[in-house]
């Protein structure tokens, strides 16, 4: 078996019942036994380029910051799978563009 395949199959248990898997590119994924993306103490996906995405029970979710952080692109706030932010725009692109959402509904 190739070394990259072995690395892909290595799993480590973490808090919240999630399991962390690292693929051959160094990307890390936390999932529940049923395959849903889930992590309670950090991003459920950490891409090797530094991008991060927070998931709880297979829904993008983060209460203390953006649930999506794509370096050099944008940040997006989600609660229970819906774009949502009460104290500012729910989407902020690096070029300065912004979108406001409340409970998944886009506001002007």
N, C-alpha and C. Protein backbone atom coordinates (compact mmCIF):
# COMPACT_ATOMS: atom_id res chain seq x y z
N UNK A 1 0.85 -1.18 0.00
CA UNK A 1 0.00 0.00 0.00
C UNK A 1 0.89 1.24 0.00
N UNK A 2 0.51 2.24 -0.81
CA UNK A 2 1.28 3.47 -0.88
C UNK A 2 1.22 4.21 0.44
N UNK A 3 2.33 4.93 0.70
CA UNK A 3 2.41 5.70 1.94
C UNK A 3 1.28 6.72 2.04
N UNK A 4 0.92 7.37 0.91
CA UNK A 4 -0.14 8.37 0.93
C UNK A 4 -1.49 7.74 1.28
N UNK A 5 -1.73 6.51 0.80
CA UNK A 5 -2.98 5.81 1.13
C UNK A 5 -3.02 5.47 2.61
N UNK A 6 -1.88 5.05 3.15
CA UNK A 6 -1.82 4.72 4.57
C UNK A 6 -2.14 5.97 5.39
N UNK A 7 -1.53 7.11 5.02
CA UNK A 7 -1.79 8.36 5.73
C UNK A 7 -3.26 8.73 5.65
N UNK A 8 -3.87 8.51 4.49
CA UNK A 8 -5.28 8.83 4.31
C UNK A 8 -6.17 8.00 5.23
N UNK A 9 -5.76 6.79 5.52
CA UNK A 9 -6.57 5.89 6.33
C UNK A 9 -6.34 6.05 7.82
N UNK A 10 -5.29 6.78 8.21
CA UNK A 10 -5.01 6.97 9.63
C UNK A 10 -6.06 7.89 10.23
N UNK A 11 -6.63 7.46 11.33
CA UNK A 11 -7.65 8.26 12.00
C UNK A 11 -7.31 8.39 13.47
N UNK A 12 -7.62 9.57 14.04
CA UNK A 12 -7.39 9.81 15.45
C UNK A 12 -8.68 10.29 16.08
N UNK A 13 -9.03 9.75 17.23
CA UNK A 13 -10.25 10.18 17.92
C UNK A 13 -10.03 11.56 18.53
N UNK A 14 -11.05 12.40 18.47
CA UNK A 14 -11.01 13.72 19.09
C UNK A 14 -12.31 13.93 19.87
N UNK A 15 -12.38 15.03 20.62
CA UNK A 15 -13.56 15.32 21.43
C UNK A 15 -14.81 15.46 20.57
N UNK A 16 -15.97 15.26 21.21
CA UNK A 16 -17.24 15.43 20.53
C UNK A 16 -17.66 14.23 19.70
N UNK A 17 -16.97 13.11 19.84
CA UNK A 17 -17.32 11.91 19.08
C UNK A 17 -16.86 11.93 17.65
N UNK A 18 -16.13 12.96 17.25
CA UNK A 18 -15.64 13.07 15.88
C UNK A 18 -14.34 12.30 15.70
N UNK A 19 -14.08 11.96 14.45
CA UNK A 19 -12.84 11.31 14.07
C UNK A 19 -12.15 12.20 13.05
N UNK A 20 -10.84 12.39 13.20
CA UNK A 20 -10.08 13.22 12.29
C UNK A 20 -9.37 12.33 11.28
N UNK A 21 -9.50 12.69 10.01
CA UNK A 21 -8.83 11.99 8.93
C UNK A 21 -7.98 13.00 8.17
N UNK A 22 -6.77 12.60 7.83
CA UNK A 22 -5.89 13.44 7.02
C UNK A 22 -5.71 12.77 5.67
N UNK A 23 -5.94 13.53 4.58
CA UNK A 23 -5.75 12.93 3.26
C UNK A 23 -4.31 13.10 2.78
N UNK A 24 -4.02 12.63 1.59
CA UNK A 24 -2.65 12.62 1.07
C UNK A 24 -2.10 14.02 0.82
N UNK A 25 -2.97 15.03 0.78
CA UNK A 25 -2.53 16.42 0.57
C UNK A 25 -2.37 17.19 1.86
N UNK A 26 -2.63 16.54 2.99
CA UNK A 26 -2.51 17.21 4.28
C UNK A 26 -3.76 17.91 4.74
N UNK A 27 -4.87 17.76 4.00
CA UNK A 27 -6.15 18.33 4.42
C UNK A 27 -6.71 17.49 5.56
N UNK A 28 -7.32 18.14 6.55
CA UNK A 28 -7.86 17.43 7.71
C UNK A 28 -9.37 17.58 7.75
N UNK A 29 -10.06 16.46 8.04
CA UNK A 29 -11.51 16.41 8.07
C UNK A 29 -11.95 15.71 9.35
N UNK A 30 -12.91 16.33 10.07
CA UNK A 30 -13.49 15.72 11.27
C UNK A 30 -14.90 15.28 10.93
N UNK A 31 -15.23 14.02 11.20
CA UNK A 31 -16.56 13.50 10.92
C UNK A 31 -17.06 12.63 12.07
N UNK A 32 -18.38 12.52 12.14
CA UNK A 32 -19.03 11.62 13.08
C UNK A 32 -19.03 10.21 12.48
N UNK A 33 -19.32 9.18 13.27
CA UNK A 33 -19.38 7.81 12.72
C UNK A 33 -20.35 7.67 11.55
N UNK A 34 -21.39 8.51 11.49
CA UNK A 34 -22.35 8.44 10.38
C UNK A 34 -21.89 9.21 9.14
N UNK A 35 -20.68 9.77 9.18
CA UNK A 35 -20.11 10.46 8.03
C UNK A 35 -20.38 11.96 7.99
N UNK A 36 -21.18 12.47 8.91
CA UNK A 36 -21.47 13.91 8.92
C UNK A 36 -20.27 14.70 9.43
N UNK A 37 -20.03 15.85 8.78
CA UNK A 37 -18.96 16.74 9.23
C UNK A 37 -19.34 17.30 10.60
N UNK A 38 -18.38 17.24 11.53
CA UNK A 38 -18.71 17.69 12.88
C UNK A 38 -17.45 17.89 13.71
N UNK A 39 -17.37 19.05 14.34
CA UNK A 39 -16.32 19.31 15.32
C UNK A 39 -16.78 20.44 16.22
N UNK A 40 -16.66 20.25 17.52
CA UNK A 40 -17.15 21.24 18.47
C UNK A 40 -16.06 22.18 18.97
N UNK A 41 -14.80 21.83 18.81
CA UNK A 41 -13.72 22.64 19.38
C UNK A 41 -12.80 23.25 18.33
N UNK A 42 -13.31 23.44 17.13
CA UNK A 42 -12.50 24.03 16.07
C UNK A 42 -13.11 23.74 14.72
N UNK A 43 -12.42 24.11 13.64
CA UNK A 43 -12.96 23.86 12.31
C UNK A 43 -13.02 22.36 12.00
N UNK A 44 -14.09 21.93 11.32
CA UNK A 44 -14.24 20.53 10.94
C UNK A 44 -13.47 20.21 9.66
N UNK A 45 -13.08 21.25 8.93
CA UNK A 45 -12.23 21.07 7.75
C UNK A 45 -11.10 22.08 7.84
N UNK A 46 -9.89 21.59 7.76
CA UNK A 46 -8.70 22.45 7.69
C UNK A 46 -7.93 22.06 6.44
N UNK A 47 -8.01 22.93 5.44
CA UNK A 47 -7.31 22.66 4.18
C UNK A 47 -5.82 22.97 4.36
N UNK A 48 -4.99 22.28 3.64
CA UNK A 48 -3.54 22.46 3.76
C UNK A 48 -3.09 23.86 3.36
N UNK A 49 -3.92 24.60 2.60
CA UNK A 49 -3.55 25.98 2.21
C UNK A 49 -3.93 27.00 3.27
N UNK A 50 -4.56 26.54 4.39
CA UNK A 50 -4.94 27.44 5.47
C UNK A 50 -6.41 27.77 5.54
N UNK A 51 -7.18 27.43 4.50
CA UNK A 51 -8.62 27.65 4.54
C UNK A 51 -9.24 26.79 5.64
N UNK A 52 -10.34 27.29 6.26
CA UNK A 52 -11.00 26.58 7.35
C UNK A 52 -12.51 26.69 7.22
N UNK A 53 -13.20 25.64 7.69
CA UNK A 53 -14.65 25.62 7.66
C UNK A 53 -15.17 24.90 8.91
N UNK A 54 -16.06 25.57 9.65
CA UNK A 54 -16.63 25.03 10.89
C UNK A 54 -17.96 24.36 10.58
N UNK A 55 -18.15 23.14 11.10
CA UNK A 55 -19.38 22.38 10.89
C UNK A 55 -19.80 21.73 12.21
N UNK A 56 -21.11 21.68 12.45
CA UNK A 56 -21.68 20.95 13.58
C UNK A 56 -22.87 20.17 13.01
N UNK A 57 -22.85 18.86 13.20
CA UNK A 57 -23.92 17.99 12.67
C UNK A 57 -24.20 18.23 11.19
N UNK A 58 -23.14 18.36 10.41
CA UNK A 58 -23.20 18.50 8.96
C UNK A 58 -23.80 19.83 8.49
N UNK A 59 -23.83 20.83 9.38
CA UNK A 59 -24.27 22.17 9.01
C UNK A 59 -23.17 23.15 9.36
N UNK A 60 -22.91 24.09 8.44
CA UNK A 60 -21.94 25.13 8.77
C UNK A 60 -22.46 25.89 9.97
N UNK A 61 -21.58 26.04 10.97
CA UNK A 61 -22.04 26.65 12.22
C UNK A 61 -20.84 27.13 13.03
N UNK A 62 -20.92 28.39 13.45
CA UNK A 62 -19.94 28.92 14.39
C UNK A 62 -20.54 30.14 15.06
N UNK A 63 -20.47 30.19 16.38
CA UNK A 63 -21.09 31.28 17.12
C UNK A 63 -20.13 32.42 17.44
N UNK A 64 -18.83 32.19 17.38
CA UNK A 64 -17.86 33.21 17.80
C UNK A 64 -16.96 33.72 16.67
N UNK A 65 -17.47 33.68 15.46
CA UNK A 65 -16.69 34.16 14.33
C UNK A 65 -17.20 33.56 13.04
N UNK A 66 -16.50 33.81 11.93
CA UNK A 66 -16.96 33.26 10.66
C UNK A 66 -16.82 31.75 10.62
N UNK A 67 -17.82 31.08 10.02
CA UNK A 67 -17.80 29.62 9.88
C UNK A 67 -17.00 29.19 8.65
N UNK A 68 -16.72 30.14 7.77
CA UNK A 68 -15.92 29.87 6.58
C UNK A 68 -14.84 30.94 6.50
N UNK A 69 -13.60 30.51 6.40
CA UNK A 69 -12.48 31.43 6.22
C UNK A 69 -11.64 30.92 5.05
N UNK A 70 -11.81 31.54 3.89
CA UNK A 70 -11.03 31.19 2.71
C UNK A 70 -10.00 32.29 2.50
N UNK A 71 -8.76 31.98 2.75
CA UNK A 71 -7.67 32.94 2.69
C UNK A 71 -7.59 33.60 1.31
N UNK A 72 -7.54 34.92 1.32
CA UNK A 72 -7.42 35.66 0.07
C UNK A 72 -8.71 35.72 -0.72
N UNK A 73 -9.84 35.25 -0.14
CA UNK A 73 -11.12 35.25 -0.85
C UNK A 73 -12.21 35.90 -0.03
N UNK A 74 -12.72 35.18 0.97
CA UNK A 74 -13.81 35.74 1.77
C UNK A 74 -13.98 35.01 3.09
N UNK A 75 -14.83 35.63 3.95
CA UNK A 75 -15.25 35.05 5.22
C UNK A 75 -16.77 35.07 5.23
N UNK A 76 -17.38 34.02 5.82
CA UNK A 76 -18.84 33.95 5.89
C UNK A 76 -19.27 33.42 7.25
N UNK A 77 -20.31 34.04 7.80
CA UNK A 77 -20.85 33.68 9.11
C UNK A 77 -22.09 32.81 8.90
N UNK A 78 -22.16 31.69 9.62
CA UNK A 78 -23.30 30.78 9.54
C UNK A 78 -23.72 30.37 10.95
N UNK A 79 -25.02 30.19 11.13
CA UNK A 79 -25.59 29.58 12.33
C UNK A 79 -26.55 28.50 11.85
N UNK A 80 -26.34 27.27 12.30
CA UNK A 80 -27.20 26.14 11.93
C UNK A 80 -27.42 26.03 10.42
N UNK A 81 -26.36 26.21 9.66
CA UNK A 81 -26.42 26.02 8.22
C UNK A 81 -26.95 27.20 7.43
N UNK A 82 -27.31 28.29 8.10
CA UNK A 82 -27.83 29.47 7.41
C UNK A 82 -26.89 30.65 7.60
N UNK A 83 -26.69 31.40 6.51
CA UNK A 83 -25.89 32.62 6.65
C UNK A 83 -26.61 33.54 7.62
N UNK A 84 -25.85 34.01 8.61
CA UNK A 84 -26.48 34.83 9.65
C UNK A 84 -25.42 35.61 10.41
N UNK A 85 -25.70 36.89 10.58
CA UNK A 85 -24.85 37.72 11.44
C UNK A 85 -25.65 38.94 11.88
N UNK A 86 -25.64 39.21 13.18
CA UNK A 86 -26.41 40.32 13.71
C UNK A 86 -25.61 41.61 13.84
N UNK A 87 -24.28 41.52 13.93
CA UNK A 87 -23.46 42.70 14.19
C UNK A 87 -22.59 43.12 13.00
N UNK A 88 -23.03 42.77 11.80
CA UNK A 88 -22.27 43.15 10.61
C UNK A 88 -22.66 42.29 9.44
N UNK A 89 -21.93 42.41 8.33
CA UNK A 89 -22.26 41.60 7.16
C UNK A 89 -21.95 40.12 7.40
N UNK A 90 -22.76 39.23 6.82
CA UNK A 90 -22.56 37.78 6.97
C UNK A 90 -21.54 37.25 5.97
N UNK A 91 -21.25 38.03 4.95
CA UNK A 91 -20.22 37.65 3.97
C UNK A 91 -19.35 38.87 3.72
N UNK A 92 -18.04 38.68 3.84
CA UNK A 92 -17.08 39.75 3.57
C UNK A 92 -16.02 39.22 2.61
N UNK A 93 -15.98 39.78 1.40
CA UNK A 93 -14.95 39.42 0.44
C UNK A 93 -13.72 40.28 0.67
N UNK A 94 -12.58 39.76 0.32
CA UNK A 94 -11.34 40.50 0.49
C UNK A 94 -11.29 41.78 -0.35
N UNK A 95 -12.08 41.85 -1.42
CA UNK A 95 -12.09 43.06 -2.26
C UNK A 95 -12.96 44.16 -1.67
N UNK A 96 -13.59 43.90 -0.49
CA UNK A 96 -14.40 44.90 0.17
C UNK A 96 -15.90 44.72 0.00
N UNK A 97 -16.33 43.87 -0.92
CA UNK A 97 -17.76 43.61 -1.09
C UNK A 97 -18.31 42.93 0.16
N UNK A 98 -19.58 43.23 0.47
CA UNK A 98 -20.21 42.68 1.67
C UNK A 98 -21.66 42.35 1.40
N UNK A 99 -22.16 41.30 2.07
CA UNK A 99 -23.57 40.92 2.00
C UNK A 99 -24.08 40.71 3.42
N UNK A 100 -25.32 41.16 3.65
CA UNK A 100 -25.94 41.02 4.97
C UNK A 100 -27.02 39.94 4.89
N UNK A 101 -27.00 39.03 5.87
CA UNK A 101 -28.02 37.99 5.99
C UNK A 101 -28.48 37.90 7.43
N UNK A 102 -29.75 37.55 7.60
CA UNK A 102 -30.31 37.31 8.93
C UNK A 102 -31.14 36.03 8.83
N UNK A 103 -30.71 34.99 9.55
CA UNK A 103 -31.37 33.68 9.54
C UNK A 103 -31.57 33.16 8.12
N UNK A 104 -30.55 33.34 7.28
CA UNK A 104 -30.57 32.82 5.93
C UNK A 104 -31.23 33.71 4.89
N UNK A 105 -31.81 34.81 5.32
CA UNK A 105 -32.49 35.73 4.40
C UNK A 105 -31.60 36.93 4.13
N UNK A 106 -31.38 37.18 2.84
CA UNK A 106 -30.52 38.30 2.46
C UNK A 106 -31.22 39.63 2.70
N UNK A 107 -30.48 40.54 3.30
CA UNK A 107 -30.97 41.89 3.58
C UNK A 107 -30.24 42.88 2.68
N UNK A 108 -30.87 44.04 2.40
CA UNK A 108 -30.21 45.00 1.53
C UNK A 108 -29.13 45.78 2.22
